[in-house]
Amino acid sequence: MRLESERYQALKGNAAVQSGGGILGRLIAFVIGSIALVGALLFSVVLFAMVLATAVVGGGYLWWKTRALRKHVREQMQSAMRDAQRDLNGRNANDSGSDSVIIEGEYVREGNVRDDVRR
């Protein structure tokens, strides 16, 4: 208890703690706080702009460097589509009932179903 009262006495001697700052102290604190808030806002806007510019430049660089790869993939896809279309057209023209025909589908079983089916 004595230690706390000694601390209080030490702080009581400080003019800012004793008077609470008055109206002038509060006004200065408000102005400094406002300047700090505006400064932090401006800093965050500048930082956001720098990150956005870096992302745009990096994305543009990747887009530019991968253009040959994208062109190659596009050509392969077109070639595969042409081959598939040619195979489909050839199969329809030569449809002689060969065993290369695949029929996919679902079926529904109707009628009596045995209940004693072992699993």
PDB file of N, CA and C in Angstrom:
ATOM      1  N   MET A   1       0.818  -1.177   0.000  1.00  0.00           N
ATOM      2  CA  MET A   1       0.000   0.000   0.000  1.00  0.00           C
ATOM      3  C   MET A   1       0.868   1.250   0.000  1.00  0.00           C
ATOM      4  N   ARG A   2       1.942   1.189   0.793  1.00  0.00           N
ATOM      5  CA  ARG A   2       2.831   2.338   0.876  1.00  0.00           C
ATOM      6  C   ARG A   2       3.514   2.600  -0.469  1.00  0.00           C
ATOM      7  N   LEU A   3       3.856   1.506  -1.183  1.00  0.00           N
ATOM      8  CA  LEU A   3       4.515   1.643  -2.468  1.00  0.00           C
ATOM      9  C   LEU A   3       3.597   2.348  -3.473  1.00  0.00           C
ATOM     10  N   GLU A   4       2.319   1.995  -3.456  1.00  0.00           N
ATOM     11  CA  GLU A   4       1.370   2.634  -4.352  1.00  0.00           C
ATOM     12  C   GLU A   4       1.199   4.109  -4.027  1.00  0.00           C
ATOM     13  N   SER A   5       1.168   4.456  -2.781  1.00  0.00           N
ATOM     14  CA  SER A   5       1.017   5.869  -2.433  1.00  0.00           C
ATOM     15  C   SER A   5       2.260   6.664  -2.817  1.00  0.00           C
ATOM     16  N   GLU A   6       3.437   6.034  -2.775  1.00  0.00           N
ATOM     17  CA  GLU A   6       4.654   6.717  -3.206  1.00  0.00           C
ATOM     18  C   GLU A   6       4.613   6.974  -4.707  1.00  0.00           C
ATOM     19  N   ARG A   7       4.108   5.997  -5.452  1.00  0.00           N
ATOM     20  CA  ARG A   7       3.975   6.186  -6.905  1.00  0.00           C
ATOM     21  C   ARG A   7       2.984   7.311  -7.192  1.00  0.00           C
ATOM     22  N   TYR A   8       1.899   7.318  -6.467  1.00  0.00           N
ATOM     23  CA  TYR A   8       0.905   8.356  -6.671  1.00  0.00           C
ATOM     24  C   TYR A   8       1.489   9.722  -6.371  1.00  0.00           C
ATOM     25  N   GLN A   9       2.250   9.822  -5.328  1.00  0.00           N
ATOM     26  CA  GLN A   9       2.875  11.101  -4.975  1.00  0.00           C
ATOM     27  C   GLN A   9       3.868  11.523  -6.057  1.00  0.00           C
ATOM     28  N   ALA A  10       4.589  10.551  -6.643  1.00  0.00           N
ATOM     29  CA  ALA A  10       5.551  10.882  -7.691  1.00  0.00           C
ATOM     30  C   ALA A  10       4.837  11.368  -8.938  1.00  0.00           C
ATOM     31  N   LEU A  11       3.715  10.731  -9.267  1.00  0.00           N
ATOM     32  CA  LEU A  11       2.957  11.161 -10.431  1.00  0.00           C
ATOM     33  C   LEU A  11       2.215  12.465 -10.180  1.00  0.00           C
ATOM     34  N   LYS A  12       1.845  12.695  -8.969  1.00  0.00           N
ATOM     35  CA  LYS A  12       1.100  13.903  -8.620  1.00  0.00           C
ATOM     36  C   LYS A  12       1.957  15.144  -8.849  1.00  0.00           C
ATOM     37  N   GLY A  13       3.238  14.992  -8.726  1.00  0.00           N
ATOM     38  CA  GLY A  13       4.134  16.109  -8.947  1.00  0.00           C
ATOM     39  C   GLY A  13       4.230  16.494 -10.415  1.00  0.00           C
ATOM     40  N   ASN A  14       3.897  15.593 -11.315  1.00  0.00           N
ATOM     41  CA  ASN A  14       3.936  15.880 -12.740  1.00  0.00           C
ATOM     42  C   ASN A  14       2.783  16.805 -13.080  1.00  0.00           C
ATOM     43  N   ALA A  15       3.062  17.898 -13.771  1.00  0.00           N
ATOM     44  CA  ALA A  15       2.051  18.919 -14.049  1.00  0.00           C
ATOM     45  C   ALA A  15       0.978  18.404 -15.003  1.00  0.00           C
ATOM     46  N   ALA A  16       1.372  17.596 -15.999  1.00  0.00           N
ATOM     47  CA  ALA A  16       0.400  17.109 -16.973  1.00  0.00           C
ATOM     48  C   ALA A  16      -0.605  16.171 -16.324  1.00  0.00           C
ATOM     49  N   VAL A  17      -0.154  15.352 -15.379  1.00  0.00           N
ATOM     50  CA  VAL A  17      -1.060  14.433 -14.702  1.00  0.00           C
ATOM     51  C   VAL A  17      -1.933  15.196 -13.721  1.00  0.00           C
ATOM     52  N   GLN A  18      -1.346  16.170 -13.069  1.00  0.00           N
ATOM     53  CA  GLN A  18      -2.062  16.907 -12.039  1.00  0.00           C
ATOM     54  C   GLN A  18      -3.198  17.730 -12.620  1.00  0.00           C
ATOM     55  N   SER A  19      -2.932  18.447 -13.706  1.00  0.00           N
ATOM     56  CA  SER A  19      -3.953  19.338 -14.238  1.00  0.00           C
ATOM     57  C   SER A  19      -4.834  18.682 -15.282  1.00  0.00           C
ATOM     58  N   GLY A  20      -4.443  17.504 -15.809  1.00  0.00           N
ATOM     59  CA  GLY A  20      -5.242  16.854 -16.839  1.00  0.00           C
ATOM     60  C   GLY A  20      -5.023  17.502 -18.189  1.00  0.00           C
ATOM     61  N   GLY A  21      -4.167  18.464 -18.288  1.00  0.00           N
ATOM     62  CA  GLY A  21      -3.835  19.066 -19.569  1.00  0.00           C
ATOM     63  C   GLY A  21      -4.641  20.310 -19.866  1.00  0.00           C
ATOM     64  N   GLY A  22      -5.757  20.478 -19.286  1.00  0.00           N
ATOM     65  CA  GLY A  22      -6.586  21.649 -19.555  1.00  0.00           C
ATOM     66  C   GLY A  22      -7.116  21.640 -20.977  1.00  0.00           C
ATOM     67  N   ILE A  23      -7.721  22.726 -21.365  1.00  0.00           N
ATOM     68  CA  ILE A  23      -8.324  22.812 -22.698  1.00  0.00           C
ATOM     69  C   ILE A  23      -7.249  22.885 -23.772  1.00  0.00           C
ATOM     70  N   LEU A  24      -6.146  23.575 -23.459  1.00  0.00           N
ATOM     71  CA  LEU A  24      -5.051  23.685 -24.423  1.00  0.00           C
ATOM     72  C   LEU A  24      -4.387  22.322 -24.645  1.00  0.00           C
ATOM     73  N   GLY A  25      -4.198  21.558 -23.596  1.00  0.00           N
ATOM     74  CA  GLY A  25      -3.609  20.220 -23.723  1.00  0.00           C
ATOM     75  C   GLY A  25      -4.503  19.285 -24.518  1.00  0.00           C
ATOM     76  N   ARG A  26      -5.793  19.388 -24.281  1.00  0.00           N
ATOM     77  CA  ARG A  26      -6.734  18.549 -25.035  1.00  0.00           C
ATOM     78  C   ARG A  26      -6.753  18.940 -26.509  1.00  0.00           C
ATOM     79  N   LEU A  27      -6.671  20.225 -26.800  1.00  0.00           N
ATOM     80  CA  LEU A  27      -6.656  20.699 -28.179  1.00  0.00           C
ATOM     81  C   LEU A  27      -5.384  20.220 -28.898  1.00  0.00           C
ATOM     82  N   ILE A  28      -4.262  20.314 -28.211  1.00  0.00           N
ATOM     83  CA  ILE A  28      -3.004  19.843 -28.803  1.00  0.00           C
ATOM     84  C   ILE A  28      -3.059  18.334 -29.019  1.00  0.00           C
ATOM     85  N   ALA A  29      -3.593  17.597 -28.061  1.00  0.00           N
ATOM     86  CA  ALA A  29      -3.720  16.147 -28.210  1.00  0.00           C
ATOM     87  C   ALA A  29      -4.638  15.802 -29.384  1.00  0.00           C
ATOM     88  N   PHE A  30      -5.715  16.564 -29.545  1.00  0.00           N
ATOM     89  CA  PHE A  30      -6.636  16.332 -30.671  1.00  0.00           C
ATOM     90  C   PHE A  30      -5.948  16.601 -32.000  1.00  0.00           C
ATOM     91  N   VAL A  31      -5.199  17.679 -32.087  1.00  0.00           N
ATOM     92  CA  VAL A  31      -4.508  18.024 -33.330  1.00  0.00           C
ATOM     93  C   VAL A  31      -3.447  16.976 -33.649  1.00  0.00           C
ATOM     94  N   ILE A  32      -2.663  16.568 -32.663  1.00  0.00           N
ATOM     95  CA  ILE A  32      -1.634  15.555 -32.881  1.00  0.00           C
ATOM     96  C   ILE A  32      -2.271  14.215 -33.262  1.00  0.00           C
ATOM     97  N   GLY A  33      -3.349  13.849 -32.598  1.00  0.00           N
ATOM     98  CA  GLY A  33      -4.049  12.607 -32.943  1.00  0.00           C
ATOM     99  C   GLY A  33      -4.621  12.646 -34.346  1.00  0.00           C
ATOM    100  N   SER A  34      -5.171  13.793 -34.747  1.00  0.00           N
ATOM    101  CA  SER A  34      -5.717  13.937 -36.100  1.00  0.00           C
ATOM    102  C   SER A  34      -4.609  13.837 -37.138  1.00  0.00           C
ATOM    103  N   ILE A  35      -3.480  14.480 -36.875  1.00  0.00           N
ATOM    104  CA  ILE A  35      -2.358  14.405 -37.807  1.00  0.00           C
ATOM    105  C   ILE A  35      -1.852  12.973 -37.913  1.00  0.00           C
ATOM    106  N   ALA A  36      -1.768  12.263 -36.795  1.00  0.00           N
ATOM    107  CA  ALA A  36      -1.323  10.872 -36.819  1.00  0.00           C
ATOM    108  C   ALA A  36      -2.297  10.004 -37.592  1.00  0.00           C
ATOM    109  N   LEU A  37      -3.610  10.234 -37.415  1.00  0.00           N
ATOM    110  CA  LEU A  37      -4.617   9.452 -38.131  1.00  0.00           C
ATOM    111  C   LEU A  37      -4.541   9.704 -39.629  1.00  0.00           C
ATOM    112  N   VAL A  38      -4.432  10.965 -40.038  1.00  0.00           N
ATOM    113  CA  VAL A  38      -4.337  11.295 -41.463  1.00  0.00           C
ATOM    114  C   VAL A  38      -3.036  10.736 -42.038  1.00  0.00           C
ATOM    115  N   GLY A  39      -1.950  10.822 -41.281  1.00  0.00           N
ATOM    116  CA  GLY A  39      -0.677  10.269 -41.743  1.00  0.00           C
ATOM    117  C   GLY A  39      -0.755   8.766 -41.939  1.00  0.00           C
ATOM    118  N   ALA A  40      -1.392   8.071 -41.006  1.00  0.00           N
ATOM    119  CA  ALA A  40      -1.545   6.623 -41.138  1.00  0.00           C
ATOM    120  C   ALA A  40      -2.413   6.277 -42.344  1.00  0.00           C
ATOM    121  N   LEU A  41      -3.463   7.052 -42.582  1.00  0.00           N
ATOM    122  CA  LEU A  41      -4.330   6.817 -43.738  1.00  0.00           C
ATOM    123  C   LEU A  41      -3.558   7.030 -45.039  1.00  0.00           C
ATOM    124  N   LEU A  42      -2.793   8.112 -45.108  1.00  0.00           N
ATOM    125  CA  LEU A  42      -2.009   8.368 -46.311  1.00  0.00           C
ATOM    126  C   LEU A  42      -0.956   7.279 -46.527  1.00  0.00           C
ATOM    127  N   PHE A  43      -0.329   6.842 -45.458  1.00  0.00           N
ATOM    128  CA  PHE A  43       0.653   5.770 -45.569  1.00  0.00           C
ATOM    129  C   PHE A  43       0.004   4.499 -46.100  1.00  0.00           C
ATOM    130  N   SER A  44      -1.175   4.165 -45.604  1.00  0.00           N
ATOM    131  CA  SER A  44      -1.845   2.941 -46.062  1.00  0.00           C
ATOM    132  C   SER A  44      -2.265   3.060 -47.524  1.00  0.00           C
ATOM    133  N   VAL A  45      -2.680   4.251 -47.965  1.00  0.00           N
ATOM    134  CA  VAL A  45      -3.057   4.435 -49.365  1.00  0.00           C
ATOM    135  C   VAL A  45      -1.833   4.286 -50.266  1.00  0.00           C
ATOM    136  N   VAL A  46      -0.722   4.886 -49.866  1.00  0.00           N
ATOM    137  CA  VAL A  46       0.508   4.778 -50.659  1.00  0.00           C
ATOM    138  C   VAL A  46       0.985   3.324 -50.690  1.00  0.00           C
ATOM    139  N   LEU A  47       0.935   2.650 -49.560  1.00  0.00           N
ATOM    140  CA  LEU A  47       1.350   1.251 -49.513  1.00  0.00           C
ATOM    141  C   LEU A  47       0.460   0.387 -50.397  1.00  0.00           C
ATOM    142  N   PHE A  48      -0.853   0.619 -50.356  1.00  0.00           N
ATOM    143  CA  PHE A  48      -1.790  -0.123 -51.204  1.00  0.00           C
ATOM    144  C   PHE A  48      -1.487   0.127 -52.675  1.00  0.00           C
ATOM    145  N   ALA A  49      -1.204   1.368 -53.044  1.00  0.00           N
ATOM    146  CA  ALA A  49      -0.887   1.690 -54.439  1.00  0.00           C
ATOM    147  C   ALA A  49       0.396   0.989 -54.884  1.00  0.00           C
ATOM    148  N   MET A  50       1.380   0.930 -54.005  1.00  0.00           N
ATOM    149  CA  MET A  50       2.634   0.254 -54.353  1.00  0.00           C
ATOM    150  C   MET A  50       2.413  -1.251 -54.529  1.00  0.00           C
ATOM    151  N   VAL A  51       1.634  -1.861 -53.648  1.00  0.00           N
ATOM    152  CA  VAL A  51       1.350  -3.297 -53.767  1.00  0.00           C
ATOM    153  C   VAL A  51       0.556  -3.572 -55.039  1.00  0.00           C
ATOM    154  N   LEU A  52      -0.419  -2.723 -55.339  1.00  0.00           N
ATOM    155  CA  LEU A  52      -1.221  -2.898 -56.546  1.00  0.00           C
ATOM    156  C   LEU A  52      -0.365  -2.741 -57.799  1.00  0.00           C
ATOM    157  N   ALA A  53       0.516  -1.749 -57.819  1.00  0.00           N
ATOM    158  CA  ALA A  53       1.395  -1.557 -58.976  1.00  0.00           C
ATOM    159  C   ALA A  53       2.330  -2.747 -59.145  1.00  0.00           C
ATOM    160  N   THR A  54       2.852  -3.270 -58.044  1.00  0.00           N
ATOM    161  CA  THR A  54       3.725  -4.441 -58.117  1.00  0.00           C
ATOM    162  C   THR A  54       2.966  -5.648 -58.659  1.00  0.00           C
ATOM    163  N   ALA A  55       1.731  -5.830 -58.226  1.00  0.00           N
ATOM    164  CA  ALA A  55       0.927  -6.956 -58.703  1.00  0.00           C
ATOM    165  C   ALA A  55       0.627  -6.818 -60.197  1.00  0.00           C
ATOM    166  N   VAL A  56       0.325  -5.615 -60.647  1.00  0.00           N
ATOM    167  CA  VAL A  56       0.023  -5.401 -62.065  1.00  0.00           C
ATOM    168  C   VAL A  56       1.268  -5.644 -62.911  1.00  0.00           C
ATOM    169  N   VAL A  57       2.405  -5.125 -62.462  1.00  0.00           N
ATOM    170  CA  VAL A  57       3.645  -5.322 -63.217  1.00  0.00           C
ATOM    171  C   VAL A  57       4.025  -6.809 -63.221  1.00  0.00           C
ATOM    172  N   GLY A  58       3.921  -7.476 -62.080  1.00  0.00           N
ATOM    173  CA  GLY A  58       4.232  -8.902 -62.018  1.00  0.00           C
ATOM    174  C   GLY A  58       3.292  -9.730 -62.877  1.00  0.00           C
ATOM    175  N   GLY A  59       2.006  -9.421 -62.836  1.00  0.00           N
ATOM    176  CA  GLY A  59       1.044 -10.137 -63.676  1.00  0.00           C
ATOM    177  C   GLY A  59       1.292  -9.909 -65.157  1.00  0.00           C
ATOM    178  N   GLY A  60       1.615  -8.677 -65.523  1.00  0.00           N
ATOM    179  CA  GLY A  60       1.938  -8.381 -66.919  1.00  0.00           C
ATOM    180  C   GLY A  60       3.186  -9.119 -67.384  1.00  0.00           C
ATOM    181  N   TYR A  61       4.173  -9.202 -66.504  1.00  0.00           N
ATOM    182  CA  TYR A  61       5.402  -9.923 -66.827  1.00  0.00           C
ATOM    183  C   TYR A  61       5.116 -11.411 -67.055  1.00  0.00           C
ATOM    184  N   LEU A  62       4.335 -12.019 -66.152  1.00  0.00           N
ATOM    185  CA  LEU A  62       3.979 -13.435 -66.324  1.00  0.00           C
ATOM    186  C   LEU A  62       3.155 -13.663 -67.587  1.00  0.00           C
ATOM    187  N   TRP A  63       2.223 -12.749 -67.851  1.00  0.00           N
ATOM    188  CA  TRP A  63       1.400 -12.872 -69.048  1.00  0.00           C
ATOM    189  C   TRP A  63       2.288 -12.802 -70.288  1.00  0.00           C
ATOM    190  N   TRP A  64       3.234 -11.886 -70.313  1.00  0.00           N
ATOM    191  CA  TRP A  64       4.119 -11.722 -71.459  1.00  0.00           C
ATOM    192  C   TRP A  64       5.034 -12.934 -71.638  1.00  0.00           C
ATOM    193  N   LYS A  65       5.569 -13.449 -70.553  1.00  0.00           N
ATOM    194  CA  LYS A  65       6.508 -14.562 -70.637  1.00  0.00           C
ATOM    195  C   LYS A  65       5.820 -15.886 -70.982  1.00  0.00           C
ATOM    196  N   THR A  66       4.532 -16.031 -70.712  1.00  0.00           N
ATOM    197  CA  THR A  66       3.829 -17.292 -70.979  1.00  0.00           C
ATOM    198  C   THR A  66       3.037 -17.265 -72.280  1.00  0.00           C
ATOM    199  N   ARG A  67       3.196 -16.233 -73.078  1.00  0.00           N
ATOM    200  CA  ARG A  67       2.395 -16.144 -74.304  1.00  0.00           C
ATOM    201  C   ARG A  67       2.734 -17.268 -75.286  1.00  0.00           C
ATOM    202  N   ALA A  68       3.999 -17.654 -75.376  1.00  0.00           N
ATOM    203  CA  ALA A  68       4.374 -18.751 -76.289  1.00  0.00           C
ATOM    204  C   ALA A  68       3.777 -20.073 -75.805  1.00  0.00           C
ATOM    205  N   LEU A  69       3.789 -20.286 -74.504  1.00  0.00           N
ATOM    206  CA  LEU A  69       3.207 -21.503 -73.953  1.00  0.00           C
ATOM    207  C   LEU A  69       1.701 -21.549 -74.203  1.00  0.00           C
ATOM    208  N   ARG A  70       1.032 -20.424 -73.995  1.00  0.00           N
ATOM    209  CA  ARG A  70      -0.414 -20.388 -74.247  1.00  0.00           C
ATOM    210  C   ARG A  70      -0.731 -20.629 -75.722  1.00  0.00           C
ATOM    211  N   LYS A  71       0.091 -20.085 -76.618  1.00  0.00           N
ATOM    212  CA  LYS A  71      -0.116 -20.299 -78.048  1.00  0.00           C
ATOM    213  C   LYS A  71       0.058 -21.775 -78.398  1.00  0.00           C
ATOM    214  N   HIS A  72       1.075 -22.407 -77.832  1.00  0.00           N
ATOM    215  CA  HIS A  72       1.335 -23.827 -78.081  1.00  0.00           C
ATOM    216  C   HIS A  72       0.170 -24.688 -77.585  1.00  0.00           C
ATOM    217  N   VAL A  73      -0.332 -24.401 -76.391  1.00  0.00           N
ATOM    218  CA  VAL A  73      -1.453 -25.164 -75.838  1.00  0.00           C
ATOM    219  C   VAL A  73      -2.698 -24.955 -76.693  1.00  0.00           C
ATOM    220  N   ARG A  74      -2.939 -23.727 -77.135  1.00  0.00           N
ATOM    221  CA  ARG A  74      -4.097 -23.448 -77.982  1.00  0.00           C
ATOM    222  C   ARG A  74      -4.012 -24.233 -79.292  1.00  0.00           C
ATOM    223  N   GLU A  75      -2.825 -24.282 -79.908  1.00  0.00           N
ATOM    224  CA  GLU A  75      -2.653 -25.039 -81.152  1.00  0.00           C
ATOM    225  C   GLU A  75      -2.868 -26.529 -80.928  1.00  0.00           C
ATOM    226  N   GLN A  76      -2.378 -27.062 -79.817  1.00  0.00           N
ATOM    227  CA  GLN A  76      -2.600 -28.477 -79.517  1.00  0.00           C
ATOM    228  C   GLN A  76      -4.084 -28.781 -79.323  1.00  0.00           C
ATOM    229  N   MET A  77      -4.793 -27.907 -78.638  1.00  0.00           N
ATOM    230  CA  MET A  77      -6.232 -28.114 -78.431  1.00  0.00           C
ATOM    231  C   MET A  77      -6.978 -28.093 -79.761  1.00  0.00           C
ATOM    232  N   GLN A  78      -6.622 -27.155 -80.647  1.00  0.00           N
ATOM    233  CA  GLN A  78      -7.276 -27.095 -81.950  1.00  0.00           C
ATOM    234  C   GLN A  78      -6.961 -28.333 -82.778  1.00  0.00           C
ATOM    235  N   SER A  79      -5.718 -28.795 -82.707  1.00  0.00           N
ATOM    236  CA  SER A  79      -5.342 -30.005 -83.433  1.00  0.00           C
ATOM    237  C   SER A  79      -6.107 -31.218 -82.904  1.00  0.00           C
ATOM    238  N   ALA A  80      -6.227 -31.318 -81.598  1.00  0.00           N
ATOM    239  CA  ALA A  80      -6.972 -32.435 -81.008  1.00  0.00           C
ATOM    240  C   ALA A  80      -8.443 -32.375 -81.399  1.00  0.00           C
ATOM    241  N   MET A  81      -9.010 -31.179 -81.440  1.00  0.00           N
ATOM    242  CA  MET A  81     -10.419 -31.042 -81.852  1.00  0.00           C
ATOM    243  C   MET A  81     -10.602 -31.438 -83.315  1.00  0.00           C
ATOM    244  N   ARG A  82      -9.662 -31.031 -84.169  1.00  0.00           N
ATOM    245  CA  ARG A  82      -9.752 -31.422 -85.584  1.00  0.00           C
ATOM    246  C   ARG A  82      -9.638 -32.929 -85.746  1.00  0.00           C
ATOM    247  N   ASP A  83      -8.701 -33.533 -85.020  1.00  0.00           N
ATOM    248  CA  ASP A  83      -8.547 -34.994 -85.093  1.00  0.00           C
ATOM    249  C   ASP A  83      -9.795 -35.708 -84.592  1.00  0.00           C
ATOM    250  N   ALA A  84     -10.365 -35.230 -83.508  1.00  0.00           N
ATOM    251  CA  ALA A  84     -11.580 -35.856 -82.971  1.00  0.00           C
ATOM    252  C   ALA A  84     -12.734 -35.707 -83.952  1.00  0.00           C
ATOM    253  N   GLN A  85     -12.849 -34.542 -84.580  1.00  0.00           N
ATOM    254  CA  GLN A  85     -13.930 -34.328 -85.548  1.00  0.00           C
ATOM    255  C   GLN A  85     -13.728 -35.218 -86.777  1.00  0.00           C
ATOM    256  N   ARG A  86     -12.479 -35.342 -87.220  1.00  0.00           N
ATOM    257  CA  ARG A  86     -12.187 -36.197 -88.375  1.00  0.00           C
ATOM    258  C   ARG A  86     -12.493 -37.653 -88.044  1.00  0.00           C
ATOM    259  N   ASP A  87     -12.122 -38.110 -86.844  1.00  0.00           N
ATOM    260  CA  ASP A  87     -12.420 -39.481 -86.441  1.00  0.00           C
ATOM    261  C   ASP A  87     -13.923 -39.710 -86.340  1.00  0.00           C
ATOM    262  N   LEU A  88     -14.636 -38.732 -85.821  1.00  0.00           N
ATOM    263  CA  LEU A  88     -16.083 -38.859 -85.697  1.00  0.00           C
ATOM    264  C   LEU A  88     -16.742 -38.905 -87.063  1.00  0.00           C
ATOM    265  N   ASN A  89     -16.301 -38.063 -87.974  1.00  0.00           N
ATOM    266  CA  ASN A  89     -16.862 -38.071 -89.331  1.00  0.00           C
ATOM    267  C   ASN A  89     -16.528 -39.377 -90.046  1.00  0.00           C
ATOM    268  N   GLY A  90     -15.324 -39.871 -89.874  1.00  0.00           N
ATOM    269  CA  GLY A  90     -14.930 -41.137 -90.507  1.00  0.00           C
ATOM    270  C   GLY A  90     -15.694 -42.307 -89.928  1.00  0.00           C
ATOM    271  N   ARG A  91     -15.949 -42.314 -88.656  1.00  0.00           N
ATOM    272  CA  ARG A  91     -16.677 -43.401 -88.010  1.00  0.00           C
ATOM    273  C   ARG A  91     -18.135 -43.394 -88.451  1.00  0.00           C
ATOM    274  N   ASN A  92     -18.738 -42.198 -88.603  1.00  0.00           N
ATOM    275  CA  ASN A  92     -20.132 -42.140 -89.039  1.00  0.00           C
ATOM    276  C   ASN A  92     -20.277 -42.595 -90.488  1.00  0.00           C
ATOM    277  N   ALA A  93     -19.297 -42.280 -91.321  1.00  0.00           N
ATOM    278  CA  ALA A  93     -19.369 -42.675 -92.728  1.00  0.00           C
ATOM    279  C   ALA A  93     -19.139 -44.169 -92.887  1.00  0.00           C
ATOM    280  N   ASN A  94     -18.298 -44.758 -92.065  1.00  0.00           N
ATOM    281  CA  ASN A  94     -17.962 -46.182 -92.175  1.00  0.00           C
ATOM    282  C   ASN A  94     -18.636 -46.998 -91.081  1.00  0.00           C
ATOM    283  N   ASP A  95     -19.815 -46.619 -90.663  1.00  0.00           N
ATOM    284  CA  ASP A  95     -20.500 -47.312 -89.573  1.00  0.00           C
ATOM    285  C   ASP A  95     -21.067 -48.627 -90.094  1.00  0.00           C
ATOM    286  N   SER A  96     -20.291 -49.665 -89.972  1.00  0.00           N
ATOM    287  CA  SER A  96     -20.709 -50.976 -90.490  1.00  0.00           C
ATOM    288  C   SER A  96     -20.954 -51.957 -89.358  1.00  0.00           C
ATOM    289  N   GLY A  97     -21.239 -51.484 -88.176  1.00  0.00           N
ATOM    290  CA  GLY A  97     -21.511 -52.372 -87.064  1.00  0.00           C
ATOM    291  C   GLY A  97     -20.268 -52.989 -86.480  1.00  0.00           C
ATOM    292  N   SER A  98     -19.149 -52.366 -86.640  1.00  0.00           N
ATOM    293  CA  SER A  98     -17.913 -52.928 -86.093  1.00  0.00           C
ATOM    294  C   SER A  98     -17.944 -52.854 -84.570  1.00  0.00           C
ATOM    295  N   ASP A  99     -17.007 -53.542 -83.940  1.00  0.00           N
ATOM    296  CA  ASP A  99     -16.995 -53.594 -82.480  1.00  0.00           C
ATOM    297  C   ASP A  99     -16.388 -52.342 -81.852  1.00  0.00           C
ATOM    298  N   SER A 100     -16.135 -51.283 -82.635  1.00  0.00           N
ATOM    299  CA  SER A 100     -15.575 -50.051 -82.090  1.00  0.00           C
ATOM    300  C   SER A 100     -16.652 -49.082 -81.614  1.00  0.00           C
ATOM    301  N   VAL A 101     -17.925 -49.472 -81.723  1.00  0.00           N
ATOM    302  CA  VAL A 101     -19.013 -48.597 -81.301  1.00  0.00           C
ATOM    303  C   VAL A 101     -19.237 -48.775 -79.802  1.00  0.00           C
ATOM    304  N   ILE A 102     -19.287 -47.681 -79.098  1.00  0.00           N
ATOM    305  CA  ILE A 102     -19.510 -47.712 -77.654  1.00  0.00           C
ATOM    306  C   ILE A 102     -20.872 -47.090 -77.376  1.00  0.00           C
ATOM    307  N   ILE A 103     -21.696 -47.833 -76.673  1.00  0.00           N
ATOM    308  CA  ILE A 103     -23.011 -47.324 -76.302  1.00  0.00           C
ATOM    309  C   ILE A 103     -23.032 -47.184 -74.791  1.00  0.00           C
ATOM    310  N   GLU A 104     -23.298 -45.976 -74.329  1.00  0.00           N
ATOM    311  CA  GLU A 104     -23.364 -45.742 -72.894  1.00  0.00           C
ATOM    312  C   GLU A 104     -24.809 -45.438 -72.521  1.00  0.00           C
ATOM    313  N   GLY A 105     -25.192 -45.798 -71.326  1.00  0.00           N
ATOM    314  CA  GLY A 105     -26.538 -45.493 -70.896  1.00  0.00           C
ATOM    315  C   GLY A 105     -26.846 -46.093 -69.550  1.00  0.00           C
ATOM    316  N   GLU A 106     -28.089 -45.929 -69.136  1.00  0.00           N
ATOM    317  CA  GLU A 106     -28.565 -46.482 -67.879  1.00  0.00           C
ATOM    318  C   GLU A 106     -29.732 -47.402 -68.180  1.00  0.00           C
ATOM    319  N   TYR A 107     -30.027 -48.272 -67.244  1.00  0.00           N
ATOM    320  CA  TYR A 107     -31.165 -49.149 -67.441  1.00  0.00           C
ATOM    321  C   TYR A 107     -31.969 -49.213 -66.151  1.00  0.00           C
ATOM    322  N   VAL A 108     -33.235 -49.559 -66.324  1.00  0.00           N
ATOM    323  CA  VAL A 108     -34.127 -49.743 -65.190  1.00  0.00           C
ATOM    324  C   VAL A 108     -34.667 -51.158 -65.297  1.00  0.00           C
ATOM    325  N   ARG A 109     -34.576 -51.877 -64.216  1.00  0.00           N
ATOM    326  CA  ARG A 109     -35.039 -53.252 -64.216  1.00  0.00           C
ATOM    327  C   ARG A 109     -36.486 -53.271 -63.758  1.00  0.00           C
ATOM    328  N   GLU A 110     -37.334 -53.825 -64.581  1.00  0.00           N
ATOM    329  CA  GLU A 110     -38.749 -53.914 -64.249  1.00  0.00           C
ATOM    330  C   GLU A 110     -39.131 -55.372 -64.086  1.00  0.00           C
ATOM    331  N   GLY A 111     -40.195 -55.607 -63.341  1.00  0.00           N
ATOM    332  CA  GLY A 111     -40.653 -56.981 -63.154  1.00  0.00           C
ATOM    333  C   GLY A 111     -40.362 -57.456 -61.749  1.00  0.00           C
ATOM    334  N   ASN A 112     -40.426 -58.761 -61.581  1.00  0.00           N
ATOM    335  CA  ASN A 112     -40.201 -59.349 -60.266  1.00  0.00           C
ATOM    336  C   ASN A 112     -38.709 -59.344 -59.934  1.00  0.00           C
ATOM    337  N   VAL A 113     -38.422 -58.880 -58.751  1.00  0.00           N
ATOM    338  CA  VAL A 113     -37.046 -58.864 -58.284  1.00  0.00           C
ATOM    339  C   VAL A 113     -36.969 -59.817 -57.120  1.00  0.00           C
ATOM    340  N   ARG A 114     -36.002 -60.708 -57.150  1.00  0.00           N
ATOM    341  CA  ARG A 114     -35.864 -61.675 -56.060  1.00  0.00           C
ATOM    342  C   ARG A 114     -35.371 -60.974 -54.811  1.00  0.00           C
ATOM    343  N   ASP A 115     -36.039 -61.244 -53.715  1.00  0.00           N
ATOM    344  CA  ASP A 115     -35.666 -60.636 -52.436  1.00  0.00           C
ATOM    345  C   ASP A 115     -34.533 -61.378 -51.744  1.00  0.00           C
ATOM    346  N   ASP A 116     -34.318 -62.622 -52.131  1.00  0.00           N
ATOM    347  CA  ASP A 116     -33.341 -63.439 -51.424  1.00  0.00           C
ATOM    348  C   ASP A 116     -31.972 -63.419 -52.113  1.00  0.00           C
ATOM    349  N   VAL A 117     -31.625 -62.323 -52.712  1.00  0.00           N
ATOM    350  CA  VAL A 117     -30.332 -62.196 -53.387  1.00  0.00           C
ATOM    351  C   VAL A 117     -29.231 -62.142 -52.326  1.00  0.00           C
ATOM    352  N   ARG A 118     -28.265 -63.002 -52.485  1.00  0.00           N
ATOM    353  CA  ARG A 118     -27.151 -63.023 -51.525  1.00  0.00           C
ATOM    354  C   ARG A 118     -26.155 -61.925 -51.878  1.00  0.00           C
ATOM    355  N   ARG A 119     -25.594 -61.370 -50.834  1.00  0.00           N
ATOM    356  CA  ARG A 119     -24.655 -60.274 -51.059  1.00  0.00           C
ATOM    357  C   ARG A 119     -23.258 -60.728 -50.809  1.00  0.00           C
TER     358      ARG A 119
END
